[in-house]
Amino acid sequence: MSIDPKRKRERMVREQIESRGITDSAVLAAMRKVPRHLFVEEALRAQSHEDHPLPIGYGQTISQPYIVALMTALLHVQPGMRVLEIGTGSGYQAAILAEMGADVYTVERVKPLHNAAFTRLNKMRYFNVHLKLDDGTLGWPNEGPFDRIMVTAGGPDVPPPLLDQLTEPGIMIIPVGVRQRSQELIRFAKRDGKIMKSNLGAVMFVNLVGAHGW
C-alpha cells in the first residue's frame, strides 16, 4: 500500500533534513506543508520525496529536498521580507519561501517552465509569488532592492546586477564555479558598506544562462 504524500513529507523532513542538522523551525514547517509531489510530472510523483533531484524538462531539475532546505535556512528569511529567486523551475523553492511569509519575486528564462509554475502557484493560492520571464542574471531591477537573493543555478561568476540589487543588510546565496555543473555554494552578506563572502562547500547545479552567466 502506498504512503500518502503528507506522511512522505514528514519522513522526508525527518530522515533527509533534520538528520543532517537543519533546525530552522520555519523551514521545516514549510517543507512539511508544501506538496512537493505536485511540482513534478505525474510519472515521477512516486519519486518526488526521495533524496535526489528530479528532471522537470528543458535540462532543468527540482533540487533534492536537503539542498532546498539548506539554501533556505542559510538565507534566514523572515516574514515580510522581499526575496528574489533566480531560476523558478518548477516553482517549488518559491512555494517554500512563500509559505514562510516572504514576498517572492522569481525569474525564469524558459517560457514553458515559467508558464507551468505560474499556473501551479496560482492554483495553490501562493499569491505572494510574483513571476517574470526574463534573463535571471539581470535580476529584477524595477522591483529591487531585495532583502534576500537566492540563485538556483550555477554560473562562472557572480552576476554584478544581483549584488547591486541586494539591500543592506542583506544575504545572497549562489552556486559559482568555472566548471559547468560543478560549483561552490557561496553566501554573501552585505552590511555596513561591506560585502562578506563565505564558501559553504561543493554543489552541483544546472547552468545559469544569461548575460552574466554561461
N, C-alpha and C. Protein backbone atom coordinates (compact mmCIF):
# COMPACT_ATOMS: atom_id res chain seq x y z
N MET A 1 0.85 -1.19 0.00
CA MET A 1 0.00 0.00 0.00
C MET A 1 0.89 1.24 0.00
N SER A 2 0.59 2.21 -0.87
CA SER A 2 1.40 3.41 -0.96
C SER A 2 1.15 4.32 0.24
N ILE A 3 2.19 5.08 0.60
CA ILE A 3 2.09 6.02 1.72
C ILE A 3 1.57 7.34 1.19
N ASP A 4 0.68 8.01 1.92
CA ASP A 4 0.12 9.26 1.44
C ASP A 4 1.18 10.36 1.45
N PRO A 5 1.04 11.39 0.59
CA PRO A 5 2.06 12.43 0.44
C PRO A 5 2.43 13.14 1.74
N LYS A 6 1.45 13.37 2.62
CA LYS A 6 1.73 14.06 3.87
C LYS A 6 2.70 13.25 4.73
N ARG A 7 2.50 11.97 4.81
CA ARG A 7 3.41 11.10 5.58
C ARG A 7 4.77 11.02 4.90
N LYS A 8 4.79 11.04 3.58
CA LYS A 8 6.07 11.04 2.86
C LYS A 8 6.86 12.31 3.14
N ARG A 9 6.15 13.44 3.20
CA ARG A 9 6.84 14.70 3.51
C ARG A 9 7.39 14.67 4.93
N GLU A 10 6.63 14.12 5.86
CA GLU A 10 7.11 14.03 7.24
C GLU A 10 8.36 13.17 7.31
N ARG A 11 8.37 12.06 6.63
CA ARG A 11 9.55 11.19 6.61
C ARG A 11 10.71 11.88 5.92
N MET A 12 10.45 12.59 4.82
CA MET A 12 11.46 13.33 4.10
C MET A 12 12.16 14.34 5.01
N VAL A 13 11.36 15.09 5.75
CA VAL A 13 11.92 16.10 6.64
C VAL A 13 12.73 15.45 7.75
N ARG A 14 12.19 14.40 8.33
CA ARG A 14 12.86 13.74 9.46
C ARG A 14 14.17 13.07 9.04
N GLU A 15 14.13 12.32 7.93
CA GLU A 15 15.28 11.50 7.55
C GLU A 15 16.32 12.22 6.68
N GLN A 16 15.89 13.21 5.90
CA GLN A 16 16.81 13.86 4.98
C GLN A 16 17.26 15.24 5.43
N ILE A 17 16.47 15.90 6.26
CA ILE A 17 16.73 17.30 6.59
C ILE A 17 17.12 17.48 8.06
N GLU A 18 16.23 17.08 8.96
CA GLU A 18 16.56 17.21 10.39
C GLU A 18 17.77 16.36 10.74
N SER A 19 17.89 15.18 10.16
CA SER A 19 19.02 14.30 10.48
C SER A 19 20.35 14.88 10.04
N ARG A 20 20.33 15.86 9.14
CA ARG A 20 21.56 16.49 8.65
C ARG A 20 21.82 17.83 9.34
N GLY A 21 21.06 18.10 10.37
CA GLY A 21 21.39 19.25 11.21
C GLY A 21 20.64 20.53 10.95
N ILE A 22 19.63 20.52 10.08
CA ILE A 22 18.86 21.73 9.84
C ILE A 22 17.75 21.81 10.89
N THR A 23 17.75 22.91 11.64
CA THR A 23 16.84 23.05 12.78
C THR A 23 15.89 24.24 12.66
N ASP A 24 16.01 25.03 11.61
CA ASP A 24 15.16 26.21 11.44
C ASP A 24 13.69 25.77 11.39
N SER A 25 12.92 26.15 12.39
CA SER A 25 11.55 25.65 12.51
C SER A 25 10.65 26.11 11.36
N ALA A 26 10.89 27.31 10.84
CA ALA A 26 10.08 27.82 9.73
C ALA A 26 10.36 27.04 8.45
N VAL A 27 11.63 26.72 8.22
CA VAL A 27 11.99 25.93 7.04
C VAL A 27 11.39 24.54 7.14
N LEU A 28 11.51 23.91 8.29
CA LEU A 28 10.98 22.56 8.48
C LEU A 28 9.46 22.53 8.31
N ALA A 29 8.78 23.55 8.83
CA ALA A 29 7.32 23.61 8.71
C ALA A 29 6.90 23.77 7.26
N ALA A 30 7.61 24.61 6.52
CA ALA A 30 7.29 24.82 5.10
C ALA A 30 7.54 23.56 4.29
N MET A 31 8.64 22.86 4.58
CA MET A 31 8.94 21.64 3.85
C MET A 31 7.91 20.55 4.15
N ARG A 32 7.37 20.56 5.35
CA ARG A 32 6.33 19.60 5.70
C ARG A 32 5.00 19.92 5.01
N LYS A 33 4.74 21.20 4.75
CA LYS A 33 3.43 21.61 4.25
C LYS A 33 3.32 21.63 2.74
N VAL A 34 4.34 22.16 2.04
CA VAL A 34 4.24 22.33 0.58
C VAL A 34 4.20 20.95 -0.09
N PRO A 35 3.22 20.69 -0.94
CA PRO A 35 3.05 19.36 -1.57
C PRO A 35 4.07 19.14 -2.70
N ARG A 36 5.25 18.68 -2.34
CA ARG A 36 6.35 18.54 -3.30
C ARG A 36 5.97 17.69 -4.51
N HIS A 37 5.15 16.66 -4.29
CA HIS A 37 4.80 15.76 -5.39
C HIS A 37 4.03 16.46 -6.51
N LEU A 38 3.44 17.61 -6.22
CA LEU A 38 2.68 18.33 -7.24
C LEU A 38 3.57 19.24 -8.10
N PHE A 39 4.86 19.27 -7.81
CA PHE A 39 5.80 20.11 -8.57
C PHE A 39 6.63 19.30 -9.56
N VAL A 40 6.28 18.04 -9.75
CA VAL A 40 6.95 17.19 -10.74
C VAL A 40 5.89 16.56 -11.64
N GLU A 41 6.34 16.01 -12.76
CA GLU A 41 5.41 15.33 -13.65
C GLU A 41 4.78 14.13 -12.93
N GLU A 42 3.56 13.80 -13.34
CA GLU A 42 2.82 12.74 -12.65
C GLU A 42 3.58 11.42 -12.63
N ALA A 43 4.34 11.14 -13.71
CA ALA A 43 5.07 9.88 -13.80
C ALA A 43 6.20 9.79 -12.77
N LEU A 44 6.62 10.93 -12.23
CA LEU A 44 7.72 10.97 -11.28
C LEU A 44 7.26 11.20 -9.84
N ARG A 45 5.98 11.29 -9.61
CA ARG A 45 5.50 11.64 -8.28
C ARG A 45 5.87 10.63 -7.21
N ALA A 46 5.97 9.37 -7.58
CA ALA A 46 6.36 8.35 -6.61
C ALA A 46 7.77 8.57 -6.10
N GLN A 47 8.60 9.26 -6.89
CA GLN A 47 9.99 9.52 -6.51
C GLN A 47 10.19 10.91 -5.91
N SER A 48 9.14 11.71 -5.85
CA SER A 48 9.29 13.13 -5.55
C SER A 48 9.88 13.44 -4.18
N HIS A 49 9.77 12.53 -3.22
CA HIS A 49 10.29 12.79 -1.88
C HIS A 49 11.63 12.10 -1.62
N GLU A 50 12.22 11.52 -2.64
CA GLU A 50 13.49 10.83 -2.47
C GLU A 50 14.66 11.81 -2.41
N ASP A 51 15.80 11.30 -1.96
CA ASP A 51 16.96 12.14 -1.64
C ASP A 51 17.84 12.42 -2.87
N HIS A 52 17.23 13.00 -3.90
CA HIS A 52 17.97 13.36 -5.10
C HIS A 52 17.13 14.31 -5.94
N PRO A 53 17.77 15.06 -6.85
CA PRO A 53 17.00 15.93 -7.74
C PRO A 53 16.23 15.11 -8.77
N LEU A 54 15.27 15.76 -9.41
CA LEU A 54 14.48 15.11 -10.46
C LEU A 54 14.36 16.04 -11.66
N PRO A 55 14.32 15.50 -12.87
CA PRO A 55 14.18 16.34 -14.05
C PRO A 55 12.78 16.94 -14.14
N ILE A 56 12.73 18.19 -14.63
CA ILE A 56 11.44 18.85 -14.86
C ILE A 56 11.31 19.31 -16.31
N GLY A 57 12.28 18.87 -17.15
CA GLY A 57 12.24 19.23 -18.56
C GLY A 57 13.17 20.38 -18.89
N TYR A 58 13.53 20.47 -20.18
CA TYR A 58 14.34 21.58 -20.69
C TYR A 58 15.72 21.65 -20.02
N GLY A 59 16.23 20.49 -19.60
CA GLY A 59 17.54 20.45 -18.97
C GLY A 59 17.57 20.96 -17.54
N GLN A 60 16.42 21.19 -16.94
CA GLN A 60 16.32 21.73 -15.58
C GLN A 60 15.88 20.65 -14.60
N THR A 61 16.08 20.91 -13.32
CA THR A 61 15.71 19.94 -12.28
C THR A 61 15.03 20.64 -11.11
N ILE A 62 14.32 19.85 -10.31
CA ILE A 62 13.89 20.28 -8.98
C ILE A 62 14.95 19.73 -8.03
N SER A 63 15.54 20.60 -7.23
CA SER A 63 16.65 20.20 -6.35
C SER A 63 16.19 19.19 -5.31
N GLN A 64 17.16 18.41 -4.83
CA GLN A 64 16.83 17.44 -3.78
C GLN A 64 16.35 18.18 -2.54
N PRO A 65 15.50 17.56 -1.75
CA PRO A 65 14.91 18.24 -0.59
C PRO A 65 15.94 18.88 0.35
N TYR A 66 17.03 18.17 0.62
CA TYR A 66 18.03 18.71 1.54
C TYR A 66 18.63 20.02 1.04
N ILE A 67 18.93 20.09 -0.25
CA ILE A 67 19.52 21.31 -0.81
C ILE A 67 18.54 22.47 -0.73
N VAL A 68 17.27 22.20 -1.01
CA VAL A 68 16.24 23.24 -0.88
C VAL A 68 16.20 23.76 0.55
N ALA A 69 16.19 22.85 1.51
CA ALA A 69 16.14 23.24 2.92
C ALA A 69 17.40 23.98 3.34
N LEU A 70 18.57 23.48 2.91
CA LEU A 70 19.83 24.11 3.28
C LEU A 70 19.92 25.54 2.79
N MET A 71 19.65 25.74 1.49
CA MET A 71 19.76 27.09 0.94
C MET A 71 18.75 28.03 1.57
N THR A 72 17.56 27.52 1.86
CA THR A 72 16.55 28.35 2.50
C THR A 72 16.98 28.73 3.91
N ALA A 73 17.51 27.77 4.65
CA ALA A 73 17.96 28.05 6.02
C ALA A 73 19.10 29.06 6.05
N LEU A 74 19.99 28.99 5.06
CA LEU A 74 21.13 29.90 5.01
C LEU A 74 20.72 31.34 4.74
N LEU A 75 19.53 31.54 4.19
CA LEU A 75 19.06 32.90 3.91
C LEU A 75 18.49 33.60 5.14
N HIS A 76 18.09 32.84 6.15
CA HIS A 76 17.48 33.42 7.35
C HIS A 76 16.30 34.32 6.98
N VAL A 77 15.35 33.75 6.26
CA VAL A 77 14.19 34.51 5.79
C VAL A 77 13.22 34.76 6.94
N GLN A 78 12.71 36.00 7.00
CA GLN A 78 11.69 36.38 7.98
C GLN A 78 10.43 36.81 7.25
N PRO A 79 9.27 36.64 7.87
CA PRO A 79 8.02 37.07 7.22
C PRO A 79 8.08 38.53 6.79
N GLY A 80 7.57 38.80 5.60
CA GLY A 80 7.54 40.17 5.09
C GLY A 80 8.76 40.57 4.29
N MET A 81 9.80 39.75 4.31
CA MET A 81 10.99 40.09 3.52
C MET A 81 10.71 39.95 2.03
N ARG A 82 11.41 40.77 1.25
CA ARG A 82 11.34 40.70 -0.21
C ARG A 82 12.50 39.80 -0.67
N VAL A 83 12.15 38.69 -1.30
CA VAL A 83 13.14 37.70 -1.71
C VAL A 83 13.12 37.55 -3.22
N LEU A 84 14.29 37.66 -3.84
CA LEU A 84 14.45 37.44 -5.27
C LEU A 84 15.01 36.05 -5.49
N GLU A 85 14.32 35.26 -6.30
CA GLU A 85 14.81 33.94 -6.67
C GLU A 85 15.13 33.93 -8.16
N ILE A 86 16.33 33.45 -8.50
CA ILE A 86 16.72 33.33 -9.89
C ILE A 86 16.67 31.85 -10.28
N GLY A 87 15.76 31.52 -11.20
CA GLY A 87 15.57 30.14 -11.61
C GLY A 87 14.32 29.55 -10.98
N THR A 88 13.15 29.93 -11.48
CA THR A 88 11.89 29.47 -10.90
C THR A 88 11.74 27.96 -11.01
N GLY A 89 12.13 27.41 -12.18
CA GLY A 89 11.99 25.97 -12.39
C GLY A 89 10.56 25.52 -12.21
N SER A 90 10.35 24.54 -11.36
CA SER A 90 9.01 24.01 -11.11
C SER A 90 8.16 24.94 -10.24
N GLY A 91 8.81 25.85 -9.51
CA GLY A 91 8.12 26.72 -8.58
C GLY A 91 8.17 26.25 -7.14
N TYR A 92 8.82 25.10 -6.90
CA TYR A 92 8.83 24.52 -5.55
C TYR A 92 9.57 25.40 -4.55
N GLN A 93 10.75 25.88 -4.92
CA GLN A 93 11.51 26.73 -3.99
C GLN A 93 10.74 28.01 -3.68
N ALA A 94 10.11 28.59 -4.70
CA ALA A 94 9.32 29.80 -4.48
C ALA A 94 8.17 29.53 -3.51
N ALA A 95 7.55 28.36 -3.63
CA ALA A 95 6.45 28.00 -2.73
C ALA A 95 6.94 27.87 -1.29
N ILE A 96 8.12 27.29 -1.10
CA ILE A 96 8.68 27.17 0.25
C ILE A 96 8.90 28.56 0.85
N LEU A 97 9.49 29.46 0.09
CA LEU A 97 9.73 30.82 0.57
C LEU A 97 8.42 31.55 0.85
N ALA A 98 7.42 31.35 -0.03
CA ALA A 98 6.12 31.99 0.17
C ALA A 98 5.44 31.46 1.42
N GLU A 99 5.57 30.16 1.65
CA GLU A 99 4.96 29.54 2.83
C GLU A 99 5.56 30.12 4.11
N MET A 100 6.81 30.59 4.02
CA MET A 100 7.47 31.19 5.18
C MET A 100 7.11 32.66 5.36
N GLY A 101 6.25 33.17 4.48
CA GLY A 101 5.77 34.54 4.64
C GLY A 101 6.54 35.58 3.86
N ALA A 102 7.45 35.16 2.98
CA ALA A 102 8.21 36.11 2.19
C ALA A 102 7.37 36.62 1.02
N ASP A 103 7.72 37.80 0.53
CA ASP A 103 7.17 38.33 -0.71
C ASP A 103 8.17 37.95 -1.79
N VAL A 104 7.84 36.98 -2.63
CA VAL A 104 8.80 36.33 -3.51
C VAL A 104 8.70 36.86 -4.94
N TYR A 105 9.87 37.23 -5.48
CA TYR A 105 9.98 37.64 -6.88
C TYR A 105 10.89 36.63 -7.56
N THR A 106 10.37 35.91 -8.55
CA THR A 106 11.13 34.82 -9.13
C THR A 106 11.20 34.95 -10.65
N VAL A 107 12.39 34.70 -11.20
CA VAL A 107 12.65 34.91 -12.62
C VAL A 107 13.05 33.59 -13.27
N GLU A 108 12.41 33.27 -14.39
CA GLU A 108 12.71 32.05 -15.14
C GLU A 108 12.88 32.41 -16.61
N ARG A 109 13.88 31.84 -17.28
CA ARG A 109 14.15 32.17 -18.67
C ARG A 109 13.46 31.23 -19.66
N VAL A 110 13.03 30.04 -19.20
CA VAL A 110 12.40 29.06 -20.08
C VAL A 110 10.89 29.24 -20.02
N LYS A 111 10.29 29.65 -21.13
CA LYS A 111 8.87 30.03 -21.13
C LYS A 111 7.94 28.91 -20.67
N PRO A 112 8.07 27.66 -21.16
CA PRO A 112 7.15 26.61 -20.69
C PRO A 112 7.24 26.37 -19.19
N LEU A 113 8.45 26.45 -18.61
CA LEU A 113 8.59 26.28 -17.16
C LEU A 113 7.95 27.46 -16.42
N HIS A 114 8.19 28.66 -16.93
CA HIS A 114 7.57 29.85 -16.33
C HIS A 114 6.05 29.73 -16.33
N ASN A 115 5.49 29.35 -17.47
CA ASN A 115 4.04 29.26 -17.58
C ASN A 115 3.46 28.18 -16.66
N ALA A 116 4.14 27.03 -16.60
CA ALA A 116 3.66 25.94 -15.75
C ALA A 116 3.74 26.34 -14.27
N ALA A 117 4.84 27.00 -13.88
CA ALA A 117 4.99 27.43 -12.48
C ALA A 117 3.93 28.48 -12.13
N PHE A 118 3.68 29.39 -13.05
CA PHE A 118 2.66 30.42 -12.82
C PHE A 118 1.30 29.78 -12.54
N THR A 119 0.92 28.83 -13.38
CA THR A 119 -0.36 28.15 -13.22
C THR A 119 -0.41 27.37 -11.90
N ARG A 120 0.66 26.65 -11.63
CA ARG A 120 0.72 25.81 -10.43
C ARG A 120 0.64 26.64 -9.15
N LEU A 121 1.42 27.70 -9.07
CA LEU A 121 1.47 28.51 -7.86
C LEU A 121 0.17 29.27 -7.63
N ASN A 122 -0.46 29.71 -8.71
CA ASN A 122 -1.74 30.40 -8.56
C ASN A 122 -2.83 29.43 -8.12
N LYS A 123 -2.79 28.22 -8.66
CA LYS A 123 -3.77 27.21 -8.27
C LYS A 123 -3.64 26.88 -6.79
N MET A 124 -2.40 26.93 -6.27
CA MET A 124 -2.17 26.65 -4.86
C MET A 124 -2.35 27.90 -3.99
N ARG A 125 -2.70 29.02 -4.63
CA ARG A 125 -3.01 30.28 -3.94
C ARG A 125 -1.79 30.90 -3.27
N TYR A 126 -0.64 30.73 -3.88
CA TYR A 126 0.55 31.44 -3.42
C TYR A 126 0.61 32.79 -4.12
N PHE A 127 -0.27 33.67 -3.69
CA PHE A 127 -0.39 34.96 -4.35
C PHE A 127 0.70 35.94 -3.96
N ASN A 128 1.55 35.56 -3.02
CA ASN A 128 2.70 36.39 -2.67
C ASN A 128 3.94 36.02 -3.49
N VAL A 129 3.74 35.27 -4.57
CA VAL A 129 4.81 34.96 -5.51
C VAL A 129 4.56 35.71 -6.81
N HIS A 130 5.56 36.46 -7.25
CA HIS A 130 5.47 37.24 -8.48
C HIS A 130 6.47 36.67 -9.47
N LEU A 131 6.01 36.32 -10.67
CA LEU A 131 6.85 35.64 -11.64
C LEU A 131 7.17 36.53 -12.84
N LYS A 132 8.38 36.32 -13.38
CA LYS A 132 8.81 37.09 -14.55
C LYS A 132 9.56 36.17 -15.49
N LEU A 133 9.28 36.28 -16.79
CA LEU A 133 10.01 35.55 -17.83
C LEU A 133 11.12 36.46 -18.35
N ASP A 134 12.38 36.11 -18.04
CA ASP A 134 13.47 37.01 -18.41
C ASP A 134 14.81 36.34 -18.12
N ASP A 135 15.88 37.06 -18.40
CA ASP A 135 17.24 36.64 -18.09
C ASP A 135 17.48 36.88 -16.59
N GLY A 136 17.57 35.80 -15.84
CA GLY A 136 17.72 35.93 -14.39
C GLY A 136 19.00 36.58 -13.94
N THR A 137 20.05 36.53 -14.76
CA THR A 137 21.32 37.13 -14.35
C THR A 137 21.22 38.66 -14.26
N LEU A 138 20.15 39.21 -14.79
CA LEU A 138 19.92 40.66 -14.70
C LEU A 138 19.09 41.03 -13.48
N GLY A 139 18.57 40.01 -12.79
CA GLY A 139 17.74 40.26 -11.62
C GLY A 139 16.39 40.81 -12.01
N TRP A 140 15.85 41.65 -11.13
CA TRP A 140 14.55 42.30 -11.36
C TRP A 140 14.66 43.73 -10.84
N PRO A 141 15.44 44.56 -11.54
CA PRO A 141 15.78 45.89 -11.01
C PRO A 141 14.58 46.78 -10.69
N ASN A 142 13.49 46.65 -11.43
CA ASN A 142 12.33 47.51 -11.18
C ASN A 142 11.64 47.20 -9.86
N GLU A 143 11.91 46.03 -9.31
CA GLU A 143 11.28 45.63 -8.04
C GLU A 143 12.26 45.62 -6.88
N GLY A 144 13.54 45.85 -7.15
CA GLY A 144 14.54 45.83 -6.09
C GLY A 144 14.52 47.11 -5.27
N PRO A 145 15.34 47.18 -4.23
CA PRO A 145 16.27 46.14 -3.79
C PRO A 145 15.54 45.03 -3.01
N PHE A 146 16.28 43.95 -2.77
CA PHE A 146 15.73 42.78 -2.11
C PHE A 146 16.50 42.47 -0.83
N ASP A 147 15.77 41.99 0.18
CA ASP A 147 16.39 41.62 1.45
C ASP A 147 17.22 40.35 1.31
N ARG A 148 16.75 39.45 0.45
CA ARG A 148 17.43 38.17 0.24
C ARG A 148 17.40 37.84 -1.25
N ILE A 149 18.46 37.20 -1.73
CA ILE A 149 18.52 36.73 -3.10
C ILE A 149 19.02 35.29 -3.10
N MET A 150 18.30 34.42 -3.82
CA MET A 150 18.69 33.02 -3.95
C MET A 150 18.81 32.70 -5.44
N VAL A 151 19.95 32.14 -5.82
CA VAL A 151 20.17 31.72 -7.21
C VAL A 151 20.23 30.20 -7.23
N THR A 152 19.36 29.59 -8.03
CA THR A 152 19.25 28.13 -8.02
C THR A 152 19.84 27.51 -9.29
N ALA A 153 20.87 28.18 -9.85
CA ALA A 153 21.63 27.65 -10.97
C ALA A 153 23.05 28.18 -10.83
N GLY A 154 24.02 27.45 -11.39
CA GLY A 154 25.42 27.81 -11.19
C GLY A 154 26.05 28.47 -12.41
N GLY A 155 26.70 29.60 -12.19
CA GLY A 155 27.38 30.31 -13.26
C GLY A 155 28.87 30.41 -13.01
N PRO A 156 29.62 30.95 -13.98
CA PRO A 156 31.07 31.06 -13.84
C PRO A 156 31.51 32.13 -12.86
N ASP A 157 30.62 33.08 -12.55
CA ASP A 157 30.95 34.17 -11.65
C ASP A 157 29.66 34.73 -11.06
N VAL A 158 29.79 35.67 -10.16
CA VAL A 158 28.63 36.29 -9.53
C VAL A 158 28.12 37.41 -10.43
N PRO A 159 26.88 37.39 -10.89
CA PRO A 159 26.35 38.47 -11.72
C PRO A 159 26.32 39.80 -10.95
N PRO A 160 27.04 40.82 -11.40
CA PRO A 160 27.04 42.11 -10.69
C PRO A 160 25.66 42.70 -10.45
N PRO A 161 24.70 42.58 -11.40
CA PRO A 161 23.38 43.17 -11.12
C PRO A 161 22.71 42.60 -9.88
N LEU A 162 23.00 41.34 -9.55
CA LEU A 162 22.36 40.74 -8.38
C LEU A 162 22.90 41.34 -7.09
N LEU A 163 24.20 41.47 -7.00
CA LEU A 163 24.77 42.10 -5.80
C LEU A 163 24.29 43.54 -5.67
N ASP A 164 24.14 44.24 -6.81
CA ASP A 164 23.66 45.62 -6.78
C ASP A 164 22.24 45.70 -6.26
N GLN A 165 21.44 44.66 -6.48
CA GLN A 165 20.04 44.68 -6.08
C GLN A 165 19.82 44.13 -4.66
N LEU A 166 20.90 43.76 -4.00
CA LEU A 166 20.82 43.27 -2.62
C LEU A 166 20.88 44.46 -1.67
N THR A 167 19.86 44.58 -0.81
CA THR A 167 19.81 45.69 0.12
C THR A 167 20.81 45.48 1.26
N GLU A 168 20.91 46.46 2.12
CA GLU A 168 21.81 46.37 3.27
C GLU A 168 21.03 46.60 4.56
N PRO A 169 21.05 45.67 5.51
CA PRO A 169 21.75 44.38 5.44
C PRO A 169 20.98 43.38 4.57
N GLY A 170 21.71 42.52 3.91
CA GLY A 170 21.09 41.54 3.04
C GLY A 170 21.96 40.33 2.86
N ILE A 171 21.36 39.23 2.38
CA ILE A 171 22.07 37.96 2.19
C ILE A 171 21.75 37.42 0.80
N MET A 172 22.77 36.91 0.13
CA MET A 172 22.57 36.24 -1.15
C MET A 172 23.29 34.89 -1.13
N ILE A 173 22.60 33.87 -1.68
CA ILE A 173 23.17 32.53 -1.82
C ILE A 173 23.25 32.21 -3.30
N ILE A 174 24.42 31.74 -3.76
CA ILE A 174 24.58 31.45 -5.18
C ILE A 174 25.65 30.38 -5.40
N PRO A 175 25.42 29.41 -6.29
CA PRO A 175 26.47 28.46 -6.67
C PRO A 175 27.35 29.09 -7.77
N VAL A 176 28.66 29.02 -7.60
CA VAL A 176 29.59 29.62 -8.56
C VAL A 176 30.73 28.65 -8.84
N GLY A 177 31.12 28.56 -10.11
CA GLY A 177 32.26 27.71 -10.45
C GLY A 177 32.66 27.86 -11.91
N VAL A 178 33.95 27.80 -12.19
CA VAL A 178 34.43 27.95 -13.56
C VAL A 178 34.17 26.70 -14.38
N ARG A 179 33.84 25.59 -13.72
CA ARG A 179 33.47 24.37 -14.42
C ARG A 179 31.96 24.21 -14.36
N GLN A 180 31.34 24.00 -15.51
CA GLN A 180 29.90 23.87 -15.55
C GLN A 180 29.43 22.68 -14.73
N ARG A 181 28.33 22.90 -14.01
CA ARG A 181 27.69 21.88 -13.16
C ARG A 181 28.60 21.37 -12.05
N SER A 182 29.60 22.15 -11.70
CA SER A 182 30.46 21.82 -10.56
C SER A 182 30.83 23.14 -9.89
N GLN A 183 30.17 23.44 -8.79
CA GLN A 183 30.32 24.77 -8.20
C GLN A 183 30.55 24.72 -6.69
N GLU A 184 30.84 25.88 -6.17
CA GLU A 184 30.94 26.10 -4.73
C GLU A 184 29.73 26.94 -4.32
N LEU A 185 29.04 26.54 -3.28
CA LEU A 185 27.94 27.34 -2.78
C LEU A 185 28.51 28.50 -1.98
N ILE A 186 28.14 29.72 -2.36
CA ILE A 186 28.71 30.91 -1.74
C ILE A 186 27.60 31.76 -1.13
N ARG A 187 27.89 32.27 0.06
CA ARG A 187 26.95 33.15 0.76
C ARG A 187 27.59 34.54 0.88
N PHE A 188 26.87 35.55 0.41
CA PHE A 188 27.30 36.93 0.54
C PHE A 188 26.41 37.63 1.56
N ALA A 189 27.03 38.37 2.46
CA ALA A 189 26.29 39.17 3.43
C ALA A 189 26.72 40.62 3.27
N LYS A 190 25.77 41.49 2.99
CA LYS A 190 26.06 42.92 2.81
C LYS A 190 25.66 43.66 4.07
N ARG A 191 26.63 44.32 4.68
CA ARG A 191 26.38 45.04 5.94
C ARG A 191 27.43 46.11 6.16
N ASP A 192 27.00 47.29 6.63
CA ASP A 192 27.90 48.39 6.98
C ASP A 192 28.85 48.75 5.84
N GLY A 193 28.31 48.75 4.63
CA GLY A 193 29.11 49.14 3.47
C GLY A 193 30.10 48.09 3.00
N LYS A 194 30.03 46.89 3.59
CA LYS A 194 30.97 45.82 3.22
C LYS A 194 30.20 44.60 2.74
N ILE A 195 30.86 43.79 1.93
CA ILE A 195 30.28 42.52 1.48
C ILE A 195 31.18 41.39 1.97
N MET A 196 30.64 40.56 2.81
CA MET A 196 31.38 39.43 3.36
C MET A 196 31.01 38.16 2.61
N LYS A 197 32.02 37.37 2.26
CA LYS A 197 31.84 36.17 1.45
C LYS A 197 32.21 34.93 2.24
N SER A 198 31.35 33.91 2.17
CA SER A 198 31.62 32.64 2.83
C SER A 198 31.44 31.50 1.84
N ASN A 199 32.43 30.62 1.74
CA ASN A 199 32.33 29.43 0.91
C ASN A 199 31.77 28.29 1.74
N LEU A 200 30.73 27.63 1.22
CA LEU A 200 29.97 26.67 2.02
C LEU A 200 30.07 25.23 1.53
N GLY A 201 30.93 24.97 0.55
CA GLY A 201 31.10 23.60 0.11
C GLY A 201 30.67 23.36 -1.32
N ALA A 202 31.05 22.21 -1.84
CA ALA A 202 30.81 21.86 -3.23
C ALA A 202 29.35 21.48 -3.46
N VAL A 203 28.81 21.95 -4.59
CA VAL A 203 27.45 21.61 -5.01
C VAL A 203 27.45 21.40 -6.53
N MET A 204 26.34 20.89 -7.05
CA MET A 204 26.22 20.73 -8.49
C MET A 204 24.83 21.14 -8.93
N PHE A 205 24.76 22.23 -9.68
CA PHE A 205 23.50 22.77 -10.15
C PHE A 205 23.50 22.84 -11.67
N VAL A 206 22.31 22.99 -12.24
CA VAL A 206 22.19 23.24 -13.67
C VAL A 206 22.83 24.60 -13.98
N ASN A 207 23.12 24.83 -15.25
CA ASN A 207 23.84 26.05 -15.64
C ASN A 207 22.98 27.30 -15.55
N LEU A 208 23.59 28.36 -15.03
CA LEU A 208 22.98 29.68 -15.02
C LEU A 208 23.28 30.33 -16.38
N VAL A 209 22.25 30.50 -17.18
CA VAL A 209 22.43 31.01 -18.54
C VAL A 209 21.93 32.43 -18.63
N GLY A 210 22.72 33.31 -19.27
CA GLY A 210 22.29 34.68 -19.44
C GLY A 210 23.46 35.60 -19.69
N ALA A 211 23.19 36.88 -19.70
CA ALA A 211 24.21 37.88 -20.00
C ALA A 211 25.39 37.81 -19.03
N HIS A 212 25.14 37.41 -17.78
CA HIS A 212 26.20 37.32 -16.77
C HIS A 212 26.36 35.87 -16.30
N GLY A 213 26.04 34.93 -17.17
CA GLY A 213 26.21 33.51 -16.85
C GLY A 213 26.89 32.80 -18.00
N TRP A 214 26.53 31.54 -18.21
CA TRP A 214 27.13 30.80 -19.31
C TRP A 214 26.51 31.27 -20.63
